[in-house]
Amino acid sequence: MKGCSEPGRPVYLSRAKNAERKLLYTWELIRMPGSLVGVNTLVPNRLVHAACSAGAIPELDAYNSIKREVATNAGTRLDLRLESLHGKVCFVEIKNCTLVEGDAAYFPDAVTSRGLKHLVELERLAATGQRAVVFFLIQRMDAKVFKPADRIDPQYGCRLREVLKNNVEILAYDVHVSLTRISLRKRLPCEL
């Protein structure tokens, strides 16, 4: 989270409801110059799942069944498995994106072997005729475009471009962030 860790910036915490939890608070937001930024890594999966359930993502609204954390291969899980009444299946891997430089959101913000593994699995599923989507949720409001962070992890950027040529789809959405909620806002263009 290099793009949202400036010392001295105001942060917002939530108190844990579980008294047994090791830490009493969860870091939720940081106020950066251009936007509040959601840093809770649990939010993207919850938000995209809820948005899919509500039909709020037009590109993913043709499905009526949603399963979370689906094992697709030995040692590999993807975030969502969507299925239509007609048996059409779509696998979605959700990535949390907090790094913004200028007007561009970038992923990843560190080298990610796990992220590469997910791209390879999505590509494998697409090769079998199933729909496969990598979904970048940008937890801030100050980006106008999404790009792979080639200078941070050139291997991820290269692989992302390869899987897109092999029928894996990419969606990038930003959010509206306030002190009381984070909600899906709009789809951003992707520059690859």
N, C-alpha and C. Protein backbone atom coordinates (compact mmCIF):
# COMPACT_ATOMS: atom_id res chain seq x y z
N MET A 1 0.83 -1.20 0.00
CA MET A 1 0.00 0.00 0.00
C MET A 1 0.87 1.25 0.00
N LYS A 2 1.82 1.28 -0.91
CA LYS A 2 2.75 2.40 -0.99
C LYS A 2 2.07 3.73 -1.29
N GLY A 3 0.97 3.70 -2.00
CA GLY A 3 0.30 4.93 -2.39
C GLY A 3 -0.62 5.50 -1.34
N CYS A 4 -0.67 4.88 -0.17
CA CYS A 4 -1.56 5.40 0.88
C CYS A 4 -0.95 5.17 2.26
N SER A 5 0.32 5.54 2.39
CA SER A 5 0.98 5.32 3.68
C SER A 5 1.84 6.49 4.11
N GLU A 6 1.46 7.71 3.72
CA GLU A 6 2.24 8.88 4.10
C GLU A 6 2.10 9.15 5.61
N PRO A 7 3.22 9.26 6.31
CA PRO A 7 3.16 9.57 7.75
C PRO A 7 2.44 10.90 7.98
N GLY A 8 1.65 10.94 9.03
CA GLY A 8 0.93 12.15 9.40
C GLY A 8 -0.45 12.29 8.80
N ARG A 9 -0.81 11.46 7.87
CA ARG A 9 -2.14 11.54 7.27
C ARG A 9 -3.19 11.02 8.26
N PRO A 10 -4.37 11.64 8.28
CA PRO A 10 -5.44 11.14 9.16
C PRO A 10 -5.89 9.74 8.71
N VAL A 11 -6.08 8.85 9.66
CA VAL A 11 -6.59 7.51 9.39
C VAL A 11 -7.86 7.30 10.19
N TYR A 12 -8.68 6.39 9.73
CA TYR A 12 -9.96 6.09 10.37
C TYR A 12 -10.00 4.60 10.66
N LEU A 13 -10.37 4.27 11.89
CA LEU A 13 -10.38 2.90 12.37
C LEU A 13 -11.80 2.50 12.74
N SER A 14 -12.06 1.20 12.72
CA SER A 14 -13.32 0.68 13.26
C SER A 14 -12.95 -0.23 14.42
N ARG A 15 -13.81 -0.25 15.42
CA ARG A 15 -13.59 -1.10 16.58
C ARG A 15 -14.11 -2.50 16.26
N ALA A 16 -13.32 -3.49 16.56
CA ALA A 16 -13.71 -4.89 16.31
C ALA A 16 -14.90 -5.26 17.18
N LYS A 17 -15.83 -6.01 16.60
CA LYS A 17 -17.00 -6.48 17.35
C LYS A 17 -16.70 -7.76 18.11
N ASN A 18 -15.68 -8.48 17.67
CA ASN A 18 -15.31 -9.74 18.29
C ASN A 18 -14.30 -9.48 19.41
N ALA A 19 -14.70 -9.66 20.65
CA ALA A 19 -13.83 -9.41 21.80
C ALA A 19 -12.65 -10.37 21.85
N GLU A 20 -12.74 -11.50 21.16
CA GLU A 20 -11.67 -12.51 21.14
C GLU A 20 -10.56 -12.17 20.13
N ARG A 21 -10.84 -11.19 19.30
CA ARG A 21 -9.90 -10.84 18.25
C ARG A 21 -8.58 -10.31 18.82
N LYS A 22 -7.50 -10.64 18.16
CA LYS A 22 -6.16 -10.24 18.61
C LYS A 22 -6.02 -8.71 18.66
N LEU A 23 -6.47 -8.03 17.59
CA LEU A 23 -6.40 -6.57 17.53
C LEU A 23 -7.79 -5.99 17.73
N LEU A 24 -7.89 -4.93 18.51
CA LEU A 24 -9.19 -4.33 18.82
C LEU A 24 -9.73 -3.42 17.72
N TYR A 25 -8.84 -2.99 16.80
CA TYR A 25 -9.26 -2.06 15.77
C TYR A 25 -8.82 -2.55 14.39
N THR A 26 -9.56 -2.09 13.36
CA THR A 26 -9.22 -2.36 11.96
C THR A 26 -9.01 -1.03 11.27
N TRP A 27 -7.91 -0.92 10.54
CA TRP A 27 -7.65 0.29 9.75
C TRP A 27 -8.57 0.25 8.55
N GLU A 28 -9.44 1.24 8.42
CA GLU A 28 -10.43 1.28 7.34
C GLU A 28 -10.07 2.26 6.22
N LEU A 29 -9.68 3.49 6.59
CA LEU A 29 -9.48 4.56 5.61
C LEU A 29 -8.26 5.40 5.95
N ILE A 30 -7.72 6.06 4.94
CA ILE A 30 -6.71 7.10 5.13
C ILE A 30 -7.10 8.26 4.23
N ARG A 31 -6.90 9.47 4.73
CA ARG A 31 -7.20 10.65 3.92
C ARG A 31 -5.92 11.04 3.17
N MET A 32 -5.96 10.88 1.84
CA MET A 32 -4.85 11.27 0.99
C MET A 32 -5.22 12.58 0.29
N PRO A 33 -4.27 13.27 -0.33
CA PRO A 33 -4.58 14.58 -0.92
C PRO A 33 -5.76 14.57 -1.90
N GLY A 34 -5.91 13.53 -2.72
CA GLY A 34 -6.97 13.53 -3.73
C GLY A 34 -8.23 12.79 -3.36
N SER A 35 -8.19 12.02 -2.25
CA SER A 35 -9.33 11.16 -1.95
C SER A 35 -9.16 10.49 -0.59
N LEU A 36 -10.28 10.15 0.01
CA LEU A 36 -10.23 9.14 1.06
C LEU A 36 -9.89 7.83 0.36
N VAL A 37 -9.13 6.96 1.01
CA VAL A 37 -8.74 5.70 0.41
C VAL A 37 -9.13 4.57 1.35
N GLY A 38 -9.87 3.60 0.83
CA GLY A 38 -10.23 2.41 1.60
C GLY A 38 -9.05 1.46 1.62
N VAL A 39 -8.60 1.07 2.81
CA VAL A 39 -7.44 0.19 2.90
C VAL A 39 -7.79 -1.19 3.48
N ASN A 40 -9.00 -1.37 3.94
CA ASN A 40 -9.40 -2.67 4.47
C ASN A 40 -9.50 -3.65 3.31
N THR A 41 -8.65 -4.67 3.32
CA THR A 41 -8.57 -5.61 2.20
C THR A 41 -9.76 -6.57 2.13
N LEU A 42 -10.61 -6.57 3.13
CA LEU A 42 -11.82 -7.40 3.09
C LEU A 42 -12.94 -6.72 2.29
N VAL A 43 -12.86 -5.41 2.15
CA VAL A 43 -13.93 -4.65 1.48
C VAL A 43 -14.13 -5.04 0.02
N PRO A 44 -13.08 -5.16 -0.80
CA PRO A 44 -13.32 -5.44 -2.22
C PRO A 44 -14.17 -6.68 -2.48
N ASN A 45 -13.85 -7.79 -1.84
CA ASN A 45 -14.63 -9.01 -2.09
C ASN A 45 -16.07 -8.85 -1.63
N ARG A 46 -16.26 -8.25 -0.47
CA ARG A 46 -17.63 -8.03 0.03
C ARG A 46 -18.41 -7.10 -0.88
N LEU A 47 -17.77 -6.02 -1.31
CA LEU A 47 -18.45 -5.03 -2.13
C LEU A 47 -18.81 -5.58 -3.51
N VAL A 48 -17.87 -6.26 -4.16
CA VAL A 48 -18.15 -6.81 -5.49
C VAL A 48 -19.21 -7.91 -5.39
N HIS A 49 -19.14 -8.73 -4.36
CA HIS A 49 -20.17 -9.76 -4.16
C HIS A 49 -21.54 -9.11 -4.01
N ALA A 50 -21.64 -8.10 -3.16
CA ALA A 50 -22.92 -7.42 -2.94
C ALA A 50 -23.40 -6.74 -4.22
N ALA A 51 -22.50 -6.13 -4.96
CA ALA A 51 -22.88 -5.46 -6.20
C ALA A 51 -23.37 -6.46 -7.24
N CYS A 52 -22.70 -7.62 -7.33
CA CYS A 52 -23.17 -8.68 -8.24
C CYS A 52 -24.55 -9.17 -7.83
N SER A 53 -24.75 -9.38 -6.54
CA SER A 53 -26.05 -9.84 -6.04
C SER A 53 -27.17 -8.86 -6.35
N ALA A 54 -26.83 -7.56 -6.33
CA ALA A 54 -27.83 -6.53 -6.58
C ALA A 54 -27.97 -6.19 -8.07
N GLY A 55 -27.19 -6.83 -8.93
CA GLY A 55 -27.24 -6.53 -10.36
C GLY A 55 -26.66 -5.17 -10.69
N ALA A 56 -25.74 -4.67 -9.85
CA ALA A 56 -25.19 -3.32 -10.01
C ALA A 56 -23.96 -3.26 -10.91
N ILE A 57 -23.50 -4.40 -11.42
CA ILE A 57 -22.37 -4.42 -12.34
C ILE A 57 -22.91 -4.94 -13.68
N PRO A 58 -23.20 -4.04 -14.61
CA PRO A 58 -23.85 -4.47 -15.86
C PRO A 58 -23.13 -5.61 -16.57
N GLU A 59 -21.81 -5.63 -16.53
CA GLU A 59 -21.05 -6.67 -17.22
C GLU A 59 -21.20 -8.04 -16.56
N LEU A 60 -21.72 -8.07 -15.34
CA LEU A 60 -21.85 -9.33 -14.60
C LEU A 60 -23.28 -9.58 -14.12
N ASP A 61 -24.27 -8.97 -14.76
CA ASP A 61 -25.64 -9.09 -14.25
C ASP A 61 -26.45 -10.21 -14.88
N ALA A 62 -25.85 -11.06 -15.70
CA ALA A 62 -26.58 -12.14 -16.36
C ALA A 62 -26.61 -13.42 -15.53
N TYR A 63 -26.19 -13.34 -14.28
CA TYR A 63 -26.05 -14.54 -13.45
C TYR A 63 -26.96 -14.43 -12.24
N ASN A 64 -27.49 -15.56 -11.82
CA ASN A 64 -28.42 -15.55 -10.69
C ASN A 64 -27.89 -16.30 -9.47
N SER A 65 -26.75 -16.96 -9.60
CA SER A 65 -26.18 -17.71 -8.49
C SER A 65 -24.73 -17.25 -8.29
N ILE A 66 -24.37 -17.02 -7.03
CA ILE A 66 -23.01 -16.57 -6.72
C ILE A 66 -22.46 -17.43 -5.59
N LYS A 67 -21.26 -17.95 -5.80
CA LYS A 67 -20.54 -18.66 -4.74
C LYS A 67 -19.22 -17.94 -4.51
N ARG A 68 -18.79 -17.90 -3.25
CA ARG A 68 -17.55 -17.22 -2.88
C ARG A 68 -16.45 -18.23 -2.60
N GLU A 69 -15.21 -17.78 -2.82
CA GLU A 69 -14.02 -18.58 -2.49
C GLU A 69 -14.14 -20.00 -3.05
N VAL A 70 -14.12 -20.10 -4.35
CA VAL A 70 -14.35 -21.36 -5.04
C VAL A 70 -13.01 -22.00 -5.45
N ALA A 71 -12.82 -23.24 -5.03
CA ALA A 71 -11.64 -24.00 -5.45
C ALA A 71 -11.82 -24.39 -6.91
N THR A 72 -10.85 -24.05 -7.74
CA THR A 72 -10.94 -24.34 -9.17
C THR A 72 -9.89 -25.33 -9.63
N ASN A 73 -8.86 -25.50 -8.83
CA ASN A 73 -7.74 -26.37 -9.17
C ASN A 73 -7.03 -26.66 -7.85
N ALA A 74 -6.20 -27.66 -7.82
CA ALA A 74 -5.48 -27.99 -6.59
C ALA A 74 -4.70 -26.77 -6.10
N GLY A 75 -5.01 -26.32 -4.91
CA GLY A 75 -4.30 -25.20 -4.32
C GLY A 75 -4.68 -23.83 -4.84
N THR A 76 -5.74 -23.74 -5.63
CA THR A 76 -6.15 -22.45 -6.19
C THR A 76 -7.62 -22.18 -5.90
N ARG A 77 -7.88 -21.00 -5.38
CA ARG A 77 -9.24 -20.52 -5.15
C ARG A 77 -9.41 -19.20 -5.87
N LEU A 78 -10.59 -19.00 -6.43
CA LEU A 78 -10.94 -17.71 -7.01
C LEU A 78 -12.07 -17.12 -6.20
N ASP A 79 -12.22 -15.81 -6.27
CA ASP A 79 -13.13 -15.11 -5.36
C ASP A 79 -14.60 -15.39 -5.60
N LEU A 80 -15.04 -15.42 -6.87
CA LEU A 80 -16.46 -15.62 -7.16
C LEU A 80 -16.66 -16.61 -8.31
N ARG A 81 -17.73 -17.38 -8.20
CA ARG A 81 -18.21 -18.22 -9.30
C ARG A 81 -19.66 -17.83 -9.51
N LEU A 82 -19.94 -17.25 -10.67
CA LEU A 82 -21.29 -16.84 -11.03
C LEU A 82 -21.86 -17.87 -11.99
N GLU A 83 -23.16 -18.15 -11.86
CA GLU A 83 -23.79 -19.10 -12.78
C GLU A 83 -25.18 -18.61 -13.14
N SER A 84 -25.53 -18.76 -14.42
CA SER A 84 -26.86 -18.37 -14.90
C SER A 84 -27.80 -19.56 -14.84
N LEU A 85 -29.07 -19.29 -15.04
CA LEU A 85 -30.07 -20.36 -15.08
C LEU A 85 -29.78 -21.34 -16.22
N HIS A 86 -29.10 -20.87 -17.26
CA HIS A 86 -28.80 -21.69 -18.43
C HIS A 86 -27.47 -22.42 -18.29
N GLY A 87 -26.85 -22.36 -17.11
CA GLY A 87 -25.61 -23.07 -16.87
C GLY A 87 -24.35 -22.36 -17.31
N LYS A 88 -24.47 -21.12 -17.74
CA LYS A 88 -23.27 -20.34 -18.10
C LYS A 88 -22.54 -19.96 -16.81
N VAL A 89 -21.21 -20.13 -16.83
CA VAL A 89 -20.40 -19.90 -15.64
C VAL A 89 -19.40 -18.78 -15.90
N CYS A 90 -19.18 -17.97 -14.88
CA CYS A 90 -18.18 -16.90 -14.93
C CYS A 90 -17.39 -16.92 -13.63
N PHE A 91 -16.06 -17.00 -13.75
CA PHE A 91 -15.19 -16.94 -12.59
C PHE A 91 -14.62 -15.53 -12.50
N VAL A 92 -14.61 -14.98 -11.28
CA VAL A 92 -14.13 -13.62 -11.07
C VAL A 92 -13.07 -13.62 -9.96
N GLU A 93 -11.93 -13.04 -10.26
CA GLU A 93 -10.89 -12.82 -9.25
C GLU A 93 -10.82 -11.32 -9.00
N ILE A 94 -10.98 -10.92 -7.74
CA ILE A 94 -11.05 -9.52 -7.37
C ILE A 94 -9.72 -9.07 -6.79
N LYS A 95 -9.22 -7.96 -7.28
CA LYS A 95 -7.96 -7.39 -6.81
C LYS A 95 -8.20 -6.02 -6.21
N ASN A 96 -7.63 -5.80 -5.04
CA ASN A 96 -7.73 -4.53 -4.33
C ASN A 96 -6.67 -3.58 -4.86
N CYS A 97 -7.08 -2.42 -5.33
CA CYS A 97 -6.16 -1.45 -5.91
C CYS A 97 -6.25 -0.15 -5.13
N THR A 98 -5.13 0.25 -4.51
CA THR A 98 -5.09 1.51 -3.75
C THR A 98 -4.05 2.49 -4.27
N LEU A 99 -3.19 2.06 -5.17
CA LEU A 99 -2.11 2.91 -5.67
C LEU A 99 -2.59 3.78 -6.82
N VAL A 100 -2.49 5.10 -6.63
CA VAL A 100 -2.81 6.06 -7.69
C VAL A 100 -1.65 7.04 -7.80
N GLU A 101 -1.20 7.23 -9.03
CA GLU A 101 -0.18 8.24 -9.33
C GLU A 101 -0.71 9.07 -10.48
N GLY A 102 -0.73 10.39 -10.29
CA GLY A 102 -1.36 11.25 -11.28
C GLY A 102 -2.84 10.93 -11.30
N ASP A 103 -3.34 10.60 -12.48
CA ASP A 103 -4.76 10.22 -12.57
C ASP A 103 -4.94 8.74 -12.88
N ALA A 104 -3.86 7.95 -12.69
CA ALA A 104 -3.93 6.52 -13.02
C ALA A 104 -3.86 5.66 -11.76
N ALA A 105 -4.72 4.65 -11.72
CA ALA A 105 -4.68 3.62 -10.68
C ALA A 105 -3.79 2.50 -11.20
N TYR A 106 -2.95 1.96 -10.33
CA TYR A 106 -2.01 0.90 -10.72
C TYR A 106 -2.17 -0.32 -9.83
N PHE A 107 -2.00 -1.49 -10.43
CA PHE A 107 -1.93 -2.75 -9.70
C PHE A 107 -0.86 -3.59 -10.36
N PRO A 108 -0.05 -4.27 -9.57
CA PRO A 108 -0.02 -4.34 -8.10
C PRO A 108 0.86 -3.24 -7.51
N ASP A 109 0.82 -3.12 -6.18
CA ASP A 109 1.68 -2.15 -5.50
C ASP A 109 2.91 -2.83 -4.90
N ALA A 110 3.05 -4.13 -5.14
CA ALA A 110 4.22 -4.93 -4.75
C ALA A 110 4.24 -6.15 -5.67
N VAL A 111 5.38 -6.79 -5.79
CA VAL A 111 5.47 -8.00 -6.60
C VAL A 111 4.49 -9.04 -6.06
N THR A 112 3.74 -9.69 -6.95
CA THR A 112 2.69 -10.61 -6.52
C THR A 112 2.73 -11.94 -7.26
N SER A 113 3.33 -12.93 -6.65
CA SER A 113 3.32 -14.28 -7.24
C SER A 113 1.91 -14.87 -7.16
N ARG A 114 1.18 -14.55 -6.10
CA ARG A 114 -0.20 -15.03 -5.96
C ARG A 114 -1.08 -14.45 -7.07
N GLY A 115 -0.89 -13.17 -7.37
CA GLY A 115 -1.64 -12.55 -8.45
C GLY A 115 -1.36 -13.20 -9.80
N LEU A 116 -0.10 -13.56 -10.04
CA LEU A 116 0.26 -14.28 -11.27
C LEU A 116 -0.45 -15.62 -11.34
N LYS A 117 -0.46 -16.32 -10.22
CA LYS A 117 -1.12 -17.63 -10.15
C LYS A 117 -2.60 -17.50 -10.53
N HIS A 118 -3.26 -16.43 -10.05
CA HIS A 118 -4.67 -16.23 -10.38
C HIS A 118 -4.86 -15.95 -11.87
N LEU A 119 -3.96 -15.18 -12.47
CA LEU A 119 -4.07 -14.92 -13.91
C LEU A 119 -3.95 -16.21 -14.71
N VAL A 120 -3.00 -17.05 -14.34
CA VAL A 120 -2.80 -18.33 -15.04
C VAL A 120 -4.06 -19.20 -14.91
N GLU A 121 -4.66 -19.21 -13.72
CA GLU A 121 -5.87 -20.02 -13.52
C GLU A 121 -7.04 -19.46 -14.31
N LEU A 122 -7.20 -18.16 -14.35
CA LEU A 122 -8.27 -17.57 -15.16
C LEU A 122 -8.07 -17.90 -16.64
N GLU A 123 -6.83 -17.86 -17.10
CA GLU A 123 -6.53 -18.20 -18.49
C GLU A 123 -6.88 -19.67 -18.77
N ARG A 124 -6.56 -20.54 -17.84
CA ARG A 124 -6.88 -21.97 -18.00
C ARG A 124 -8.39 -22.17 -18.11
N LEU A 125 -9.15 -21.49 -17.25
CA LEU A 125 -10.60 -21.61 -17.28
C LEU A 125 -11.18 -21.05 -18.58
N ALA A 126 -10.65 -19.93 -19.03
CA ALA A 126 -11.11 -19.34 -20.29
C ALA A 126 -10.86 -20.29 -21.46
N ALA A 127 -9.76 -21.01 -21.41
CA ALA A 127 -9.42 -21.97 -22.49
C ALA A 127 -10.41 -23.13 -22.54
N THR A 128 -11.13 -23.38 -21.44
CA THR A 128 -12.13 -24.45 -21.43
C THR A 128 -13.50 -23.94 -21.84
N GLY A 129 -13.57 -22.65 -22.23
CA GLY A 129 -14.84 -22.09 -22.69
C GLY A 129 -15.63 -21.38 -21.61
N GLN A 130 -15.09 -21.29 -20.42
CA GLN A 130 -15.80 -20.59 -19.35
C GLN A 130 -15.38 -19.12 -19.34
N ARG A 131 -16.25 -18.29 -18.87
CA ARG A 131 -15.93 -16.86 -18.79
C ARG A 131 -15.02 -16.63 -17.58
N ALA A 132 -14.00 -15.80 -17.76
CA ALA A 132 -13.04 -15.52 -16.70
C ALA A 132 -12.76 -14.02 -16.67
N VAL A 133 -12.85 -13.43 -15.47
CA VAL A 133 -12.72 -11.98 -15.31
C VAL A 133 -11.78 -11.66 -14.16
N VAL A 134 -10.86 -10.74 -14.39
CA VAL A 134 -10.09 -10.17 -13.28
C VAL A 134 -10.69 -8.79 -13.04
N PHE A 135 -11.08 -8.54 -11.79
CA PHE A 135 -11.82 -7.34 -11.42
C PHE A 135 -10.96 -6.51 -10.48
N PHE A 136 -10.53 -5.33 -10.93
CA PHE A 136 -9.74 -4.43 -10.12
C PHE A 136 -10.66 -3.43 -9.45
N LEU A 137 -10.75 -3.50 -8.13
CA LEU A 137 -11.57 -2.55 -7.38
C LEU A 137 -10.64 -1.48 -6.83
N ILE A 138 -10.81 -0.28 -7.34
CA ILE A 138 -9.97 0.86 -6.95
C ILE A 138 -10.67 1.55 -5.78
N GLN A 139 -10.10 1.40 -4.58
CA GLN A 139 -10.75 1.88 -3.37
C GLN A 139 -10.46 3.36 -3.10
N ARG A 140 -10.66 4.16 -4.12
CA ARG A 140 -10.48 5.61 -3.99
C ARG A 140 -11.19 6.29 -5.15
N MET A 141 -11.24 7.64 -5.12
CA MET A 141 -12.05 8.38 -6.09
C MET A 141 -11.25 9.28 -7.01
N ASP A 142 -9.93 9.18 -7.01
CA ASP A 142 -9.12 10.15 -7.75
C ASP A 142 -8.40 9.56 -8.97
N ALA A 143 -8.87 8.45 -9.48
CA ALA A 143 -8.27 7.85 -10.69
C ALA A 143 -9.23 8.01 -11.87
N LYS A 144 -8.65 8.16 -13.04
CA LYS A 144 -9.45 8.25 -14.26
C LYS A 144 -9.22 7.07 -15.18
N VAL A 145 -8.17 6.27 -14.91
CA VAL A 145 -7.81 5.16 -15.77
C VAL A 145 -7.10 4.11 -14.92
N PHE A 146 -7.15 2.86 -15.39
CA PHE A 146 -6.41 1.78 -14.72
C PHE A 146 -5.27 1.33 -15.62
N LYS A 147 -4.11 1.03 -15.00
CA LYS A 147 -2.95 0.51 -15.74
C LYS A 147 -2.24 -0.54 -14.88
N PRO A 148 -1.61 -1.52 -15.51
CA PRO A 148 -0.76 -2.43 -14.73
C PRO A 148 0.50 -1.68 -14.28
N ALA A 149 0.97 -1.99 -13.08
CA ALA A 149 2.14 -1.32 -12.51
C ALA A 149 3.42 -2.02 -12.98
N ASP A 150 3.77 -1.79 -14.23
CA ASP A 150 4.91 -2.46 -14.84
C ASP A 150 6.23 -2.16 -14.13
N ARG A 151 6.40 -0.97 -13.60
CA ARG A 151 7.66 -0.63 -12.95
C ARG A 151 7.80 -1.34 -11.60
N ILE A 152 6.68 -1.77 -11.02
CA ILE A 152 6.72 -2.49 -9.74
C ILE A 152 6.83 -3.99 -9.96
N ASP A 153 6.00 -4.51 -10.87
CA ASP A 153 6.00 -5.95 -11.15
C ASP A 153 5.81 -6.15 -12.66
N PRO A 154 6.91 -6.03 -13.42
CA PRO A 154 6.80 -6.16 -14.88
C PRO A 154 6.27 -7.52 -15.32
N GLN A 155 6.54 -8.56 -14.56
CA GLN A 155 6.06 -9.90 -14.92
C GLN A 155 4.54 -9.95 -14.85
N TYR A 156 3.95 -9.32 -13.83
CA TYR A 156 2.49 -9.30 -13.71
C TYR A 156 1.88 -8.54 -14.89
N GLY A 157 2.42 -7.37 -15.20
CA GLY A 157 1.90 -6.58 -16.32
C GLY A 157 1.96 -7.34 -17.63
N CYS A 158 3.07 -8.00 -17.87
CA CYS A 158 3.25 -8.79 -19.09
C CYS A 158 2.23 -9.92 -19.15
N ARG A 159 2.07 -10.62 -18.05
CA ARG A 159 1.14 -11.75 -18.00
C ARG A 159 -0.31 -11.28 -18.15
N LEU A 160 -0.64 -10.14 -17.55
CA LEU A 160 -1.99 -9.59 -17.68
C LEU A 160 -2.31 -9.34 -19.16
N ARG A 161 -1.38 -8.76 -19.88
CA ARG A 161 -1.60 -8.52 -21.31
C ARG A 161 -1.76 -9.82 -22.08
N GLU A 162 -0.99 -10.84 -21.72
CA GLU A 162 -1.09 -12.14 -22.39
C GLU A 162 -2.44 -12.80 -22.16
N VAL A 163 -2.91 -12.81 -20.92
CA VAL A 163 -4.18 -13.50 -20.65
C VAL A 163 -5.36 -12.78 -21.30
N LEU A 164 -5.25 -11.48 -21.46
CA LEU A 164 -6.32 -10.75 -22.14
C LEU A 164 -6.44 -11.18 -23.59
N LYS A 165 -5.33 -11.55 -24.19
CA LYS A 165 -5.35 -12.05 -25.58
C LYS A 165 -5.97 -13.44 -25.63
N ASN A 166 -6.07 -14.10 -24.50
CA ASN A 166 -6.60 -15.47 -24.43
C ASN A 166 -7.95 -15.52 -23.71
N ASN A 167 -8.76 -14.49 -23.95
CA ASN A 167 -10.17 -14.44 -23.52
C ASN A 167 -10.43 -14.17 -22.05
N VAL A 168 -9.43 -13.81 -21.28
CA VAL A 168 -9.69 -13.34 -19.91
C VAL A 168 -10.08 -11.87 -20.03
N GLU A 169 -11.14 -11.49 -19.34
CA GLU A 169 -11.63 -10.12 -19.38
C GLU A 169 -11.09 -9.33 -18.19
N ILE A 170 -11.04 -8.02 -18.35
CA ILE A 170 -10.62 -7.14 -17.28
C ILE A 170 -11.71 -6.11 -17.03
N LEU A 171 -12.04 -5.92 -15.76
CA LEU A 171 -12.95 -4.85 -15.34
C LEU A 171 -12.25 -4.05 -14.26
N ALA A 172 -12.34 -2.74 -14.34
CA ALA A 172 -11.79 -1.86 -13.31
C ALA A 172 -12.88 -0.88 -12.92
N TYR A 173 -13.21 -0.87 -11.65
CA TYR A 173 -14.23 0.04 -11.10
C TYR A 173 -13.63 0.81 -9.95
N ASP A 174 -14.04 2.06 -9.83
CA ASP A 174 -13.68 2.81 -8.64
C ASP A 174 -14.88 2.84 -7.69
N VAL A 175 -14.72 3.53 -6.59
CA VAL A 175 -15.74 3.56 -5.56
C VAL A 175 -16.02 4.99 -5.13
N HIS A 176 -17.10 5.16 -4.45
CA HIS A 176 -17.35 6.40 -3.71
C HIS A 176 -17.04 6.08 -2.26
N VAL A 177 -16.16 6.87 -1.65
CA VAL A 177 -15.73 6.63 -0.27
C VAL A 177 -16.17 7.80 0.59
N SER A 178 -16.83 7.48 1.70
CA SER A 178 -17.13 8.49 2.72
C SER A 178 -16.75 7.89 4.07
N LEU A 179 -16.92 8.65 5.11
CA LEU A 179 -16.58 8.15 6.45
C LEU A 179 -17.57 7.09 6.93
N THR A 180 -18.68 6.93 6.24
CA THR A 180 -19.69 5.96 6.68
C THR A 180 -19.88 4.78 5.74
N ARG A 181 -19.42 4.91 4.49
CA ARG A 181 -19.60 3.79 3.56
C ARG A 181 -18.70 3.87 2.34
N ILE A 182 -18.53 2.72 1.71
CA ILE A 182 -17.84 2.62 0.43
C ILE A 182 -18.81 1.93 -0.52
N SER A 183 -19.06 2.56 -1.66
CA SER A 183 -19.98 1.97 -2.64
C SER A 183 -19.37 2.02 -4.03
N LEU A 184 -19.77 1.08 -4.86
CA LEU A 184 -19.30 1.03 -6.24
C LEU A 184 -19.73 2.30 -6.96
N ARG A 185 -18.83 2.87 -7.76
CA ARG A 185 -19.16 4.11 -8.45
C ARG A 185 -19.23 3.91 -9.96
N LYS A 186 -18.09 3.78 -10.64
CA LYS A 186 -18.15 3.68 -12.11
C LYS A 186 -16.99 2.85 -12.65
N ARG A 187 -17.20 2.36 -13.86
CA ARG A 187 -16.15 1.61 -14.55
C ARG A 187 -15.13 2.60 -15.12
N LEU A 188 -13.85 2.23 -14.98
CA LEU A 188 -12.78 3.05 -15.52
C LEU A 188 -12.19 2.38 -16.75
N PRO A 189 -11.70 3.16 -17.70
CA PRO A 189 -11.02 2.57 -18.86
C PRO A 189 -9.68 1.95 -18.42
N CYS A 190 -9.24 0.97 -19.18
CA CYS A 190 -7.96 0.30 -18.89
C CYS A 190 -7.00 0.61 -20.02
N GLU A 191 -5.81 1.06 -19.65
CA GLU A 191 -4.75 1.31 -20.63
C GLU A 191 -3.68 0.25 -20.41
N LEU A 192 -3.54 -0.62 -21.40
CA LEU A 192 -2.59 -1.72 -21.26
C LEU A 192 -1.42 -1.53 -22.21
